[in-house]
Amino acid sequence: MLKQTNRLKSKRSYTATYNNRNIVSDENMVVYAGKIKTDENCPTRVGFVVSKKVHKRATKRNRIKRLIRENIRLMLKNNELAQLNNYQSLIFMAKEDILDKNFEEIRNTILILMDKLANKNI
């Protein structure tokens, strides 16, 4: 489970991240990035969204969120996502094609999207 300090919680935080309009996507997922950090000491907050359009059953939606969350947690622990720490907040939004993906495929998708995000803001 992600640390409490790394979770995006309030509706206001989600709205602010969406309004920033810094977006990258592929066939499995969309990533909304918040503002670039000015203070390096504050942690990056991460949120996860899986809508009913992806699957009508809450158990399937929750499984997808757990897979994405665990990937992010392991990447943060191993310092694999250095470019993730450049942003105040990130929202990972799953698409329908992610239903049949396994843990490794989701991990690769996240890495590709984070590289796109890093290259977009150079």
PDB file of N, CA and C in Angstrom:
ATOM      1  N   MET A   1       0.831  -1.182   0.000  1.00  0.00           N
ATOM      2  CA  MET A   1       0.000   0.000   0.000  1.00  0.00           C
ATOM      3  C   MET A   1       0.882   1.254   0.000  1.00  0.00           C
ATOM      4  N   LEU A   2       0.451   2.244  -0.714  1.00  0.00           N
ATOM      5  CA  LEU A   2       1.182   3.508  -0.772  1.00  0.00           C
ATOM      6  C   LEU A   2       1.168   4.200   0.589  1.00  0.00           C
ATOM      7  N   LYS A   3       2.244   4.906   0.867  1.00  0.00           N
ATOM      8  CA  LYS A   3       2.292   5.675   2.108  1.00  0.00           C
ATOM      9  C   LYS A   3       1.226   6.766   2.081  1.00  0.00           C
ATOM     10  N   GLN A   4       0.791   7.148   3.256  1.00  0.00           N
ATOM     11  CA  GLN A   4      -0.233   8.176   3.397  1.00  0.00           C
ATOM     12  C   GLN A   4       0.202   9.496   2.743  1.00  0.00           C
ATOM     13  N   THR A   5       1.488   9.800   2.828  1.00  0.00           N
ATOM     14  CA  THR A   5       1.992  11.066   2.275  1.00  0.00           C
ATOM     15  C   THR A   5       2.012  11.071   0.755  1.00  0.00           C
ATOM     16  N   ASN A   6       1.929   9.891   0.131  1.00  0.00           N
ATOM     17  CA  ASN A   6       1.978   9.803  -1.327  1.00  0.00           C
ATOM     18  C   ASN A   6       0.611   9.674  -1.974  1.00  0.00           C
ATOM     19  N   ARG A   7      -0.463   9.775  -1.190  1.00  0.00           N
ATOM     20  CA  ARG A   7      -1.804   9.602  -1.743  1.00  0.00           C
ATOM     21  C   ARG A   7      -2.462  10.937  -2.053  1.00  0.00           C
ATOM     22  N   LEU A   8      -3.118  10.980  -3.180  1.00  0.00           N
ATOM     23  CA  LEU A   8      -3.923  12.130  -3.572  1.00  0.00           C
ATOM     24  C   LEU A   8      -5.332  11.864  -3.063  1.00  0.00           C
ATOM     25  N   LYS A   9      -5.856  12.745  -2.195  1.00  0.00           N
ATOM     26  CA  LYS A   9      -7.093  12.416  -1.494  1.00  0.00           C
ATOM     27  C   LYS A   9      -8.278  13.292  -1.864  1.00  0.00           C
ATOM     28  N   SER A  10      -8.119  14.582  -1.817  1.00  0.00           N
ATOM     29  CA  SER A  10      -9.282  15.463  -1.924  1.00  0.00           C
ATOM     30  C   SER A  10      -9.721  15.682  -3.371  1.00  0.00           C
ATOM     31  N   LYS A  11     -10.991  15.987  -3.517  1.00  0.00           N
ATOM     32  CA  LYS A  11     -11.548  16.280  -4.834  1.00  0.00           C
ATOM     33  C   LYS A  11     -10.878  17.517  -5.422  1.00  0.00           C
ATOM     34  N   ARG A  12     -10.548  18.451  -4.561  1.00  0.00           N
ATOM     35  CA  ARG A  12      -9.879  19.677  -4.990  1.00  0.00           C
ATOM     36  C   ARG A  12      -8.513  19.384  -5.623  1.00  0.00           C
ATOM     37  N   SER A  13      -7.792  18.437  -5.051  1.00  0.00           N
ATOM     38  CA  SER A  13      -6.485  18.048  -5.592  1.00  0.00           C
ATOM     39  C   SER A  13      -6.625  17.395  -6.957  1.00  0.00           C
ATOM     40  N   TYR A  14      -7.634  16.522  -7.095  1.00  0.00           N
ATOM     41  CA  TYR A  14      -7.878  15.880  -8.387  1.00  0.00           C
ATOM     42  C   TYR A  14      -8.234  16.939  -9.439  1.00  0.00           C
ATOM     43  N   THR A  15      -9.106  17.867  -9.089  1.00  0.00           N
ATOM     44  CA  THR A  15      -9.531  18.907 -10.029  1.00  0.00           C
ATOM     45  C   THR A  15      -8.351  19.778 -10.447  1.00  0.00           C
ATOM     46  N   ALA A  16      -7.508  20.140  -9.508  1.00  0.00           N
ATOM     47  CA  ALA A  16      -6.342  20.968  -9.828  1.00  0.00           C
ATOM     48  C   ALA A  16      -5.404  20.237 -10.784  1.00  0.00           C
ATOM     49  N   THR A  17      -5.239  18.934 -10.576  1.00  0.00           N
ATOM     50  CA  THR A  17      -4.372  18.153 -11.462  1.00  0.00           C
ATOM     51  C   THR A  17      -4.970  18.038 -12.853  1.00  0.00           C
ATOM     52  N   TYR A  18      -6.277  17.797 -12.941  1.00  0.00           N
ATOM     53  CA  TYR A  18      -6.939  17.723 -14.244  1.00  0.00           C
ATOM     54  C   TYR A  18      -6.839  19.050 -14.987  1.00  0.00           C
ATOM     55  N   ASN A  19      -6.994  20.155 -14.282  1.00  0.00           N
ATOM     56  CA  ASN A  19      -6.989  21.473 -14.914  1.00  0.00           C
ATOM     57  C   ASN A  19      -5.616  21.895 -15.410  1.00  0.00           C
ATOM     58  N   ASN A  20      -4.566  21.249 -14.955  1.00  0.00           N
ATOM     59  CA  ASN A  20      -3.217  21.590 -15.399  1.00  0.00           C
ATOM     60  C   ASN A  20      -2.979  21.219 -16.858  1.00  0.00           C
ATOM     61  N   ARG A  21      -3.733  20.234 -17.350  1.00  0.00           N
ATOM     62  CA  ARG A  21      -3.689  19.840 -18.770  1.00  0.00           C
ATOM     63  C   ARG A  21      -2.329  19.337 -19.246  1.00  0.00           C
ATOM     64  N   ASN A  22      -1.612  18.640 -18.402  1.00  0.00           N
ATOM     65  CA  ASN A  22      -0.365  18.003 -18.796  1.00  0.00           C
ATOM     66  C   ASN A  22      -0.659  16.511 -18.875  1.00  0.00           C
ATOM     67  N   ILE A  23      -0.947  16.010 -20.103  1.00  0.00           N
ATOM     68  CA  ILE A  23      -1.505  14.676 -20.284  1.00  0.00           C
ATOM     69  C   ILE A  23      -0.658  13.861 -21.254  1.00  0.00           C
ATOM     70  N   VAL A  24      -0.431  12.583 -20.896  1.00  0.00           N
ATOM     71  CA  VAL A  24       0.138  11.606 -21.825  1.00  0.00           C
ATOM     72  C   VAL A  24      -0.729  10.357 -21.745  1.00  0.00           C
ATOM     73  N   SER A  25      -0.791   9.602 -22.860  1.00  0.00           N
ATOM     74  CA  SER A  25      -1.636   8.412 -22.851  1.00  0.00           C
ATOM     75  C   SER A  25      -1.147   7.384 -23.858  1.00  0.00           C
ATOM     76  N   ASP A  26      -1.648   6.173 -23.692  1.00  0.00           N
ATOM     77  CA  ASP A  26      -1.507   5.121 -24.683  1.00  0.00           C
ATOM     78  C   ASP A  26      -2.799   4.307 -24.672  1.00  0.00           C
ATOM     79  N   GLU A  27      -2.775   3.097 -25.236  1.00  0.00           N
ATOM     80  CA  GLU A  27      -4.015   2.332 -25.345  1.00  0.00           C
ATOM     81  C   GLU A  27      -4.512   1.783 -24.007  1.00  0.00           C
ATOM     82  N   ASN A  28      -3.655   1.747 -22.980  1.00  0.00           N
ATOM     83  CA  ASN A  28      -4.036   1.174 -21.692  1.00  0.00           C
ATOM     84  C   ASN A  28      -4.355   2.184 -20.604  1.00  0.00           C
ATOM     85  N   MET A  29      -3.726   3.350 -20.659  1.00  0.00           N
ATOM     86  CA  MET A  29      -3.804   4.261 -19.533  1.00  0.00           C
ATOM     87  C   MET A  29      -3.569   5.707 -19.948  1.00  0.00           C
ATOM     88  N   VAL A  30      -4.085   6.634 -19.143  1.00  0.00           N
ATOM     89  CA  VAL A  30      -3.858   8.066 -19.303  1.00  0.00           C
ATOM     90  C   VAL A  30      -3.219   8.561 -18.013  1.00  0.00           C
ATOM     91  N   VAL A  31      -2.217   9.428 -18.137  1.00  0.00           N
ATOM     92  CA  VAL A  31      -1.585  10.019 -16.953  1.00  0.00           C
ATOM     93  C   VAL A  31      -1.754  11.530 -17.017  1.00  0.00           C
ATOM     94  N   TYR A  32      -2.353  12.079 -15.967  1.00  0.00           N
ATOM     95  CA  TYR A  32      -2.479  13.522 -15.801  1.00  0.00           C
ATOM     96  C   TYR A  32      -1.405  13.950 -14.807  1.00  0.00           C
ATOM     97  N   ALA A  33      -0.592  14.916 -15.190  1.00  0.00           N
ATOM     98  CA  ALA A  33       0.465  15.390 -14.301  1.00  0.00           C
ATOM     99  C   ALA A  33       0.116  16.779 -13.803  1.00  0.00           C
ATOM    100  N   GLY A  34       0.381  17.011 -12.537  1.00  0.00           N
ATOM    101  CA  GLY A  34       0.136  18.313 -11.929  1.00  0.00           C
ATOM    102  C   GLY A  34       1.281  19.262 -12.219  1.00  0.00           C
ATOM    103  N   LYS A  35       1.375  20.297 -11.417  1.00  0.00           N
ATOM    104  CA  LYS A  35       2.425  21.287 -11.596  1.00  0.00           C
ATOM    105  C   LYS A  35       3.784  20.704 -11.257  1.00  0.00           C
ATOM    106  N   ILE A  36       4.820  21.305 -11.841  1.00  0.00           N
ATOM    107  CA  ILE A  36       6.190  20.902 -11.522  1.00  0.00           C
ATOM    108  C   ILE A  36       6.538  21.451 -10.153  1.00  0.00           C
ATOM    109  N   LYS A  37       7.227  20.639  -9.358  1.00  0.00           N
ATOM    110  CA  LYS A  37       7.551  21.002  -7.982  1.00  0.00           C
ATOM    111  C   LYS A  37       8.508  22.175  -7.915  1.00  0.00           C
ATOM    112  N   THR A  38       8.299  23.005  -6.907  1.00  0.00           N
ATOM    113  CA  THR A  38       9.265  24.048  -6.580  1.00  0.00           C
ATOM    114  C   THR A  38      10.044  23.665  -5.332  1.00  0.00           C
ATOM    115  N   ASP A  39       9.405  22.901  -4.444  1.00  0.00           N
ATOM    116  CA  ASP A  39      10.039  22.435  -3.224  1.00  0.00           C
ATOM    117  C   ASP A  39      10.298  20.934  -3.345  1.00  0.00           C
ATOM    118  N   GLU A  40      11.551  20.529  -3.338  1.00  0.00           N
ATOM    119  CA  GLU A  40      11.909  19.121  -3.515  1.00  0.00           C
ATOM    120  C   GLU A  40      11.581  18.261  -2.295  1.00  0.00           C
ATOM    121  N   ASN A  41      11.320  18.872  -1.148  1.00  0.00           N
ATOM    122  CA  ASN A  41      11.071  18.101   0.070  1.00  0.00           C
ATOM    123  C   ASN A  41       9.665  17.527   0.154  1.00  0.00           C
ATOM    124  N   CYS A  42       8.706  18.138  -0.536  1.00  0.00           N
ATOM    125  CA  CYS A  42       7.339  17.609  -0.467  1.00  0.00           C
ATOM    126  C   CYS A  42       7.205  16.425  -1.431  1.00  0.00           C
ATOM    127  N   PRO A  43       6.516  15.358  -0.996  1.00  0.00           N
ATOM    128  CA  PRO A  43       6.404  14.160  -1.833  1.00  0.00           C
ATOM    129  C   PRO A  43       5.398  14.342  -2.965  1.00  0.00           C
ATOM    130  N   THR A  44       5.574  13.552  -4.003  1.00  0.00           N
ATOM    131  CA  THR A  44       4.619  13.524  -5.099  1.00  0.00           C
ATOM    132  C   THR A  44       3.405  12.719  -4.665  1.00  0.00           C
ATOM    133  N   ARG A  45       2.229  13.275  -4.903  1.00  0.00           N
ATOM    134  CA  ARG A  45       0.988  12.588  -4.541  1.00  0.00           C
ATOM    135  C   ARG A  45       0.408  11.920  -5.787  1.00  0.00           C
ATOM    136  N   VAL A  46      -0.083  10.704  -5.603  1.00  0.00           N
ATOM    137  CA  VAL A  46      -0.555   9.896  -6.722  1.00  0.00           C
ATOM    138  C   VAL A  46      -1.999   9.474  -6.482  1.00  0.00           C
ATOM    139  N   GLY A  47      -2.827   9.576  -7.539  1.00  0.00           N
ATOM    140  CA  GLY A  47      -4.214   9.140  -7.485  1.00  0.00           C
ATOM    141  C   GLY A  47      -4.497   8.147  -8.601  1.00  0.00           C
ATOM    142  N   PHE A  48      -5.540   7.337  -8.406  1.00  0.00           N
ATOM    143  CA  PHE A  48      -5.884   6.301  -9.369  1.00  0.00           C
ATOM    144  C   PHE A  48      -7.379   6.367  -9.669  1.00  0.00           C
ATOM    145  N   VAL A  49      -7.729   6.259 -10.958  1.00  0.00           N
ATOM    146  CA  VAL A  49      -9.126   6.338 -11.370  1.00  0.00           C
ATOM    147  C   VAL A  49      -9.400   5.208 -12.356  1.00  0.00           C
ATOM    148  N   VAL A  50     -10.464   4.444 -12.059  1.00  0.00           N
ATOM    149  CA  VAL A  50     -10.955   3.432 -12.990  1.00  0.00           C
ATOM    150  C   VAL A  50     -12.467   3.608 -13.041  1.00  0.00           C
ATOM    151  N   SER A  51     -12.977   4.052 -14.173  1.00  0.00           N
ATOM    152  CA  SER A  51     -14.400   4.365 -14.272  1.00  0.00           C
ATOM    153  C   SER A  51     -15.238   3.123 -14.555  1.00  0.00           C
ATOM    154  N   LYS A  52     -16.531   3.292 -14.461  1.00  0.00           N
ATOM    155  CA  LYS A  52     -17.460   2.196 -14.752  1.00  0.00           C
ATOM    156  C   LYS A  52     -17.457   1.835 -16.235  1.00  0.00           C
ATOM    157  N   LYS A  53     -16.944   2.701 -17.066  1.00  0.00           N
ATOM    158  CA  LYS A  53     -16.838   2.388 -18.485  1.00  0.00           C
ATOM    159  C   LYS A  53     -15.831   1.264 -18.723  1.00  0.00           C
ATOM    160  N   VAL A  54     -14.838   1.164 -17.846  1.00  0.00           N
ATOM    161  CA  VAL A  54     -13.832   0.109 -17.977  1.00  0.00           C
ATOM    162  C   VAL A  54     -14.464  -1.244 -17.676  1.00  0.00           C
ATOM    163  N   HIS A  55     -15.158  -1.348 -16.550  1.00  0.00           N
ATOM    164  CA  HIS A  55     -15.885  -2.564 -16.203  1.00  0.00           C
ATOM    165  C   HIS A  55     -16.973  -2.220 -15.204  1.00  0.00           C
ATOM    166  N   LYS A  56     -18.116  -2.863 -15.332  1.00  0.00           N
ATOM    167  CA  LYS A  56     -19.227  -2.507 -14.449  1.00  0.00           C
ATOM    168  C   LYS A  56     -19.060  -3.056 -13.034  1.00  0.00           C
ATOM    169  N   ARG A  57     -18.266  -4.104 -12.868  1.00  0.00           N
ATOM    170  CA  ARG A  57     -18.076  -4.717 -11.550  1.00  0.00           C
ATOM    171  C   ARG A  57     -16.989  -4.007 -10.755  1.00  0.00           C
ATOM    172  N   ALA A  58     -17.317  -3.668  -9.524  1.00  0.00           N
ATOM    173  CA  ALA A  58     -16.369  -2.961  -8.657  1.00  0.00           C
ATOM    174  C   ALA A  58     -15.151  -3.821  -8.349  1.00  0.00           C
ATOM    175  N   THR A  59     -15.328  -5.146  -8.285  1.00  0.00           N
ATOM    176  CA  THR A  59     -14.190  -6.011  -7.981  1.00  0.00           C
ATOM    177  C   THR A  59     -13.130  -5.939  -9.071  1.00  0.00           C
ATOM    178  N   LYS A  60     -13.554  -5.877 -10.314  1.00  0.00           N
ATOM    179  CA  LYS A  60     -12.606  -5.754 -11.437  1.00  0.00           C
ATOM    180  C   LYS A  60     -11.915  -4.391 -11.407  1.00  0.00           C
ATOM    181  N   ARG A  61     -12.695  -3.341 -11.156  1.00  0.00           N
ATOM    182  CA  ARG A  61     -12.115  -1.999 -11.102  1.00  0.00           C
ATOM    183  C   ARG A  61     -11.108  -1.893  -9.958  1.00  0.00           C
ATOM    184  N   ASN A  62     -11.442  -2.448  -8.811  1.00  0.00           N
ATOM    185  CA  ASN A  62     -10.533  -2.405  -7.671  1.00  0.00           C
ATOM    186  C   ASN A  62      -9.266  -3.213  -7.918  1.00  0.00           C
ATOM    187  N   ARG A  63      -9.377  -4.327  -8.642  1.00  0.00           N
ATOM    188  CA  ARG A  63      -8.200  -5.122  -8.975  1.00  0.00           C
ATOM    189  C   ARG A  63      -7.240  -4.322  -9.845  1.00  0.00           C
ATOM    190  N   ILE A  64      -7.778  -3.612 -10.813  1.00  0.00           N
ATOM    191  CA  ILE A  64      -6.937  -2.787 -11.684  1.00  0.00           C
ATOM    192  C   ILE A  64      -6.230  -1.714 -10.864  1.00  0.00           C
ATOM    193  N   LYS A  65      -6.967  -1.059  -9.966  1.00  0.00           N
ATOM    194  CA  LYS A  65      -6.351  -0.029  -9.113  1.00  0.00           C
ATOM    195  C   LYS A  65      -5.263  -0.619  -8.233  1.00  0.00           C
ATOM    196  N   ARG A  66      -5.490  -1.816  -7.701  1.00  0.00           N
ATOM    197  CA  ARG A  66      -4.475  -2.452  -6.860  1.00  0.00           C
ATOM    198  C   ARG A  66      -3.220  -2.769  -7.643  1.00  0.00           C
ATOM    199  N   LEU A  67      -3.373  -3.249  -8.880  1.00  0.00           N
ATOM    200  CA  LEU A  67      -2.211  -3.559  -9.713  1.00  0.00           C
ATOM    201  C   LEU A  67      -1.405  -2.300 -10.035  1.00  0.00           C
ATOM    202  N   ILE A  68      -2.078  -1.237 -10.398  1.00  0.00           N
ATOM    203  CA  ILE A  68      -1.385   0.018 -10.710  1.00  0.00           C
ATOM    204  C   ILE A  68      -0.719   0.577  -9.455  1.00  0.00           C
ATOM    205  N   ARG A  69      -1.440   0.577  -8.346  1.00  0.00           N
ATOM    206  CA  ARG A  69      -0.916   1.114  -7.082  1.00  0.00           C
ATOM    207  C   ARG A  69       0.319   0.352  -6.615  1.00  0.00           C
ATOM    208  N   GLU A  70       0.280  -0.972  -6.726  1.00  0.00           N
ATOM    209  CA  GLU A  70       1.426  -1.783  -6.294  1.00  0.00           C
ATOM    210  C   GLU A  70       2.630  -1.548  -7.196  1.00  0.00           C
ATOM    211  N   ASN A  71       2.404  -1.397  -8.492  1.00  0.00           N
ATOM    212  CA  ASN A  71       3.497  -1.072  -9.404  1.00  0.00           C
ATOM    213  C   ASN A  71       4.145   0.252  -9.024  1.00  0.00           C
ATOM    214  N   ILE A  72       3.333   1.260  -8.768  1.00  0.00           N
ATOM    215  CA  ILE A  72       3.856   2.576  -8.392  1.00  0.00           C
ATOM    216  C   ILE A  72       4.628   2.481  -7.077  1.00  0.00           C
ATOM    217  N   ARG A  73       4.076   1.754  -6.102  1.00  0.00           N
ATOM    218  CA  ARG A  73       4.730   1.616  -4.803  1.00  0.00           C
ATOM    219  C   ARG A  73       6.115   0.976  -4.948  1.00  0.00           C
ATOM    220  N   LEU A  74       6.200  -0.094  -5.740  1.00  0.00           N
ATOM    221  CA  LEU A  74       7.489  -0.767  -5.935  1.00  0.00           C
ATOM    222  C   LEU A  74       8.480   0.116  -6.694  1.00  0.00           C
ATOM    223  N   MET A  75       7.983   0.865  -7.668  1.00  0.00           N
ATOM    224  CA  MET A  75       8.859   1.757  -8.424  1.00  0.00           C
ATOM    225  C   MET A  75       9.392   2.883  -7.541  1.00  0.00           C
ATOM    226  N   LEU A  76       8.546   3.415  -6.676  1.00  0.00           N
ATOM    227  CA  LEU A  76       8.999   4.450  -5.746  1.00  0.00           C
ATOM    228  C   LEU A  76      10.019   3.889  -4.759  1.00  0.00           C
ATOM    229  N   LYS A  77       9.781   2.681  -4.295  1.00  0.00           N
ATOM    230  CA  LYS A  77      10.678   2.043  -3.336  1.00  0.00           C
ATOM    231  C   LYS A  77      12.059   1.801  -3.945  1.00  0.00           C
ATOM    232  N   ASN A  78      12.093   1.390  -5.207  1.00  0.00           N
ATOM    233  CA  ASN A  78      13.350   1.072  -5.886  1.00  0.00           C
ATOM    234  C   ASN A  78      13.948   2.257  -6.635  1.00  0.00           C
ATOM    235  N   ASN A  79      13.353   3.431  -6.501  1.00  0.00           N
ATOM    236  CA  ASN A  79      13.806   4.649  -7.189  1.00  0.00           C
ATOM    237  C   ASN A  79      13.889   4.471  -8.702  1.00  0.00           C
ATOM    238  N   GLU A  80      12.963   3.736  -9.276  1.00  0.00           N
ATOM    239  CA  GLU A  80      12.932   3.539 -10.722  1.00  0.00           C
ATOM    240  C   GLU A  80      12.291   4.711 -11.443  1.00  0.00           C
ATOM    241  N   LEU A  81      11.517   5.500 -10.738  1.00  0.00           N
ATOM    242  CA  LEU A  81      10.811   6.609 -11.361  1.00  0.00           C
ATOM    243  C   LEU A  81      11.345   7.934 -10.836  1.00  0.00           C
ATOM    244  N   ALA A  82      12.528   8.286 -11.248  1.00  0.00           N
ATOM    245  CA  ALA A  82      13.103   9.554 -10.805  1.00  0.00           C
ATOM    246  C   ALA A  82      12.309  10.729 -11.371  1.00  0.00           C
ATOM    247  N   GLN A  83      11.808  10.601 -12.609  1.00  0.00           N
ATOM    248  CA  GLN A  83      11.057  11.693 -13.223  1.00  0.00           C
ATOM    249  C   GLN A  83       9.688  11.878 -12.573  1.00  0.00           C
ATOM    250  N   LEU A  84       9.205  10.882 -11.835  1.00  0.00           N
ATOM    251  CA  LEU A  84       7.936  11.005 -11.136  1.00  0.00           C
ATOM    252  C   LEU A  84       8.023  12.049 -10.040  1.00  0.00           C
ATOM    253  N   ASN A  85       9.183  12.220  -9.455  1.00  0.00           N
ATOM    254  CA  ASN A  85       9.365  13.160  -8.352  1.00  0.00           C
ATOM    255  C   ASN A  85       9.433  14.612  -8.814  1.00  0.00           C
ATOM    256  N   ASN A  86       9.291  14.877 -10.094  1.00  0.00           N
ATOM    257  CA  ASN A  86       9.316  16.250 -10.596  1.00  0.00           C
ATOM    258  C   ASN A  86       7.958  16.938 -10.467  1.00  0.00           C
ATOM    259  N   TYR A  87       6.905  16.172 -10.191  1.00  0.00           N
ATOM    260  CA  TYR A  87       5.548  16.707 -10.200  1.00  0.00           C
ATOM    261  C   TYR A  87       4.934  16.701  -8.807  1.00  0.00           C
ATOM    262  N   GLN A  88       4.035  17.655  -8.568  1.00  0.00           N
ATOM    263  CA  GLN A  88       3.328  17.707  -7.289  1.00  0.00           C
ATOM    264  C   GLN A  88       2.297  16.589  -7.189  1.00  0.00           C
ATOM    265  N   SER A  89       1.641  16.273  -8.310  1.00  0.00           N
ATOM    266  CA  SER A  89       0.610  15.240  -8.285  1.00  0.00           C
ATOM    267  C   SER A  89       0.521  14.539  -9.636  1.00  0.00           C
ATOM    268  N   LEU A  90       0.095  13.273  -9.586  1.00  0.00           N
ATOM    269  CA  LEU A  90      -0.128  12.473 -10.779  1.00  0.00           C
ATOM    270  C   LEU A  90      -1.421  11.697 -10.611  1.00  0.00           C
ATOM    271  N   ILE A  91      -2.177  11.565 -11.694  1.00  0.00           N
ATOM    272  CA  ILE A  91      -3.382  10.742 -11.680  1.00  0.00           C
ATOM    273  C   ILE A  91      -3.254   9.722 -12.806  1.00  0.00           C
ATOM    274  N   PHE A  92      -3.387   8.451 -12.453  1.00  0.00           N
ATOM    275  CA  PHE A  92      -3.360   7.366 -13.420  1.00  0.00           C
ATOM    276  C   PHE A  92      -4.796   6.928 -13.667  1.00  0.00           C
ATOM    277  N   MET A  93      -5.236   7.060 -14.926  1.00  0.00           N
ATOM    278  CA  MET A  93      -6.604   6.710 -15.287  1.00  0.00           C
ATOM    279  C   MET A  93      -6.559   5.535 -16.267  1.00  0.00           C
ATOM    280  N   ALA A  94      -7.185   4.428 -15.874  1.00  0.00           N
ATOM    281  CA  ALA A  94      -7.162   3.215 -16.688  1.00  0.00           C
ATOM    282  C   ALA A  94      -8.182   3.291 -17.822  1.00  0.00           C
ATOM    283  N   LYS A  95      -7.855   2.624 -18.927  1.00  0.00           N
ATOM    284  CA  LYS A  95      -8.772   2.484 -20.051  1.00  0.00           C
ATOM    285  C   LYS A  95      -9.238   1.034 -20.135  1.00  0.00           C
ATOM    286  N   GLU A  96     -10.175   0.763 -21.029  1.00  0.00           N
ATOM    287  CA  GLU A  96     -10.773  -0.567 -21.142  1.00  0.00           C
ATOM    288  C   GLU A  96      -9.760  -1.654 -21.513  1.00  0.00           C
ATOM    289  N   ASP A  97      -8.748  -1.322 -22.282  1.00  0.00           N
ATOM    290  CA  ASP A  97      -7.787  -2.323 -22.748  1.00  0.00           C
ATOM    291  C   ASP A  97      -6.909  -2.879 -21.638  1.00  0.00           C
ATOM    292  N   ILE A  98      -6.945  -2.282 -20.470  1.00  0.00           N
ATOM    293  CA  ILE A  98      -6.076  -2.717 -19.376  1.00  0.00           C
ATOM    294  C   ILE A  98      -6.617  -3.961 -18.664  1.00  0.00           C
ATOM    295  N   LEU A  99      -7.860  -4.330 -18.922  1.00  0.00           N
ATOM    296  CA  LEU A  99      -8.489  -5.452 -18.221  1.00  0.00           C
ATOM    297  C   LEU A  99      -7.726  -6.766 -18.377  1.00  0.00           C
ATOM    298  N   ASP A 100      -7.210  -7.027 -19.555  1.00  0.00           N
ATOM    299  CA  ASP A 100      -6.539  -8.310 -19.788  1.00  0.00           C
ATOM    300  C   ASP A 100      -5.017  -8.227 -19.649  1.00  0.00           C
ATOM    301  N   LYS A 101      -4.511  -7.193 -19.010  1.00  0.00           N
ATOM    302  CA  LYS A 101      -3.070  -7.035 -18.805  1.00  0.00           C
ATOM    303  C   LYS A 101      -2.657  -7.618 -17.461  1.00  0.00           C
ATOM    304  N   ASN A 102      -1.438  -8.142 -17.407  1.00  0.00           N
ATOM    305  CA  ASN A 102      -0.926  -8.648 -16.144  1.00  0.00           C
ATOM    306  C   ASN A 102      -0.006  -7.612 -15.492  1.00  0.00           C
ATOM    307  N   PHE A 103       0.588  -7.980 -14.375  1.00  0.00           N
ATOM    308  CA  PHE A 103       1.392  -7.072 -13.567  1.00  0.00           C
ATOM    309  C   PHE A 103       2.558  -6.474 -14.366  1.00  0.00           C
ATOM    310  N   GLU A 104       3.288  -7.304 -15.091  1.00  0.00           N
ATOM    311  CA  GLU A 104       4.453  -6.841 -15.853  1.00  0.00           C
ATOM    312  C   GLU A 104       4.061  -5.922 -17.001  1.00  0.00           C
ATOM    313  N   GLU A 105       2.968  -6.222 -17.673  1.00  0.00           N
ATOM    314  CA  GLU A 105       2.522  -5.383 -18.788  1.00  0.00           C
ATOM    315  C   GLU A 105       2.090  -4.008 -18.288  1.00  0.00           C
ATOM    316  N   ILE A 106       1.443  -3.970 -17.123  1.00  0.00           N
ATOM    317  CA  ILE A 106       1.062  -2.682 -16.541  1.00  0.00           C
ATOM    318  C   ILE A 106       2.308  -1.904 -16.133  1.00  0.00           C
ATOM    319  N   ARG A 107       3.301  -2.602 -15.599  1.00  0.00           N
ATOM    320  CA  ARG A 107       4.563  -1.958 -15.221  1.00  0.00           C
ATOM    321  C   ARG A 107       5.232  -1.313 -16.440  1.00  0.00           C
ATOM    322  N   ASN A 108       5.279  -2.044 -17.546  1.00  0.00           N
ATOM    323  CA  ASN A 108       5.882  -1.518 -18.770  1.00  0.00           C
ATOM    324  C   ASN A 108       5.103  -0.317 -19.292  1.00  0.00           C
ATOM    325  N   THR A 109       3.782  -0.362 -19.201  1.00  0.00           N
ATOM    326  CA  THR A 109       2.951   0.762 -19.625  1.00  0.00           C
ATOM    327  C   THR A 109       3.265   2.004 -18.805  1.00  0.00           C
ATOM    328  N   ILE A 110       3.390   1.838 -17.491  1.00  0.00           N
ATOM    329  CA  ILE A 110       3.695   2.975 -16.618  1.00  0.00           C
ATOM    330  C   ILE A 110       5.058   3.560 -16.962  1.00  0.00           C
ATOM    331  N   LEU A 111       6.049   2.708 -17.173  1.00  0.00           N
ATOM    332  CA  LEU A 111       7.389   3.193 -17.522  1.00  0.00           C
ATOM    333  C   LEU A 111       7.384   3.963 -18.841  1.00  0.00           C
ATOM    334  N   ILE A 112       6.663   3.458 -19.825  1.00  0.00           N
ATOM    335  CA  ILE A 112       6.581   4.135 -21.124  1.00  0.00           C
ATOM    336  C   ILE A 112       5.907   5.499 -20.977  1.00  0.00           C
ATOM    337  N   LEU A 113       4.809   5.544 -20.225  1.00  0.00           N
ATOM    338  CA  LEU A 113       4.100   6.809 -20.039  1.00  0.00           C
ATOM    339  C   LEU A 113       4.940   7.825 -19.272  1.00  0.00           C
ATOM    340  N   MET A 114       5.688   7.386 -18.287  1.00  0.00           N
ATOM    341  CA  MET A 114       6.537   8.310 -17.536  1.00  0.00           C
ATOM    342  C   MET A 114       7.680   8.840 -18.404  1.00  0.00           C
ATOM    343  N   ASP A 115       8.203   8.001 -19.309  1.00  0.00           N
ATOM    344  CA  ASP A 115       9.217   8.480 -20.250  1.00  0.00           C
ATOM    345  C   ASP A 115       8.626   9.508 -21.209  1.00  0.00           C
ATOM    346  N   LYS A 116       7.401   9.262 -21.688  1.00  0.00           N
ATOM    347  CA  LYS A 116       6.719  10.231 -22.557  1.00  0.00           C
ATOM    348  C   LYS A 116       6.538  11.565 -21.842  1.00  0.00           C
ATOM    349  N   LEU A 117       6.146  11.481 -20.579  1.00  0.00           N
ATOM    350  CA  LEU A 117       5.921  12.687 -19.780  1.00  0.00           C
ATOM    351  C   LEU A 117       7.225  13.453 -19.577  1.00  0.00           C
ATOM    352  N   ALA A 118       8.305  12.738 -19.324  1.00  0.00           N
ATOM    353  CA  ALA A 118       9.601  13.384 -19.137  1.00  0.00           C
ATOM    354  C   ALA A 118      10.070  14.045 -20.436  1.00  0.00           C
ATOM    355  N   ASN A 119       9.874  13.370 -21.574  1.00  0.00           N
ATOM    356  CA  ASN A 119      10.300  13.929 -22.855  1.00  0.00           C
ATOM    357  C   ASN A 119       9.425  15.090 -23.288  1.00  0.00           C
ATOM    358  N   LYS A 120       8.174  15.080 -22.871  1.00  0.00           N
ATOM    359  CA  LYS A 120       7.240  16.142 -23.249  1.00  0.00           C
ATOM    360  C   LYS A 120       7.619  17.462 -22.580  1.00  0.00           C
ATOM    361  N   ASN A 121       8.137  17.395 -21.380  1.00  0.00           N
ATOM    362  CA  ASN A 121       8.433  18.602 -20.606  1.00  0.00           C
ATOM    363  C   ASN A 121       9.895  19.023 -20.643  1.00  0.00           C
ATOM    364  N   ILE A 122      10.637  18.506 -21.606  1.00  0.00           N
ATOM    365  CA  ILE A 122      12.046  18.919 -21.717  1.00  0.00           C
ATOM    366  C   ILE A 122      12.134  20.255 -22.426  1.00  0.00           C
TER     367      ILE A 122
END
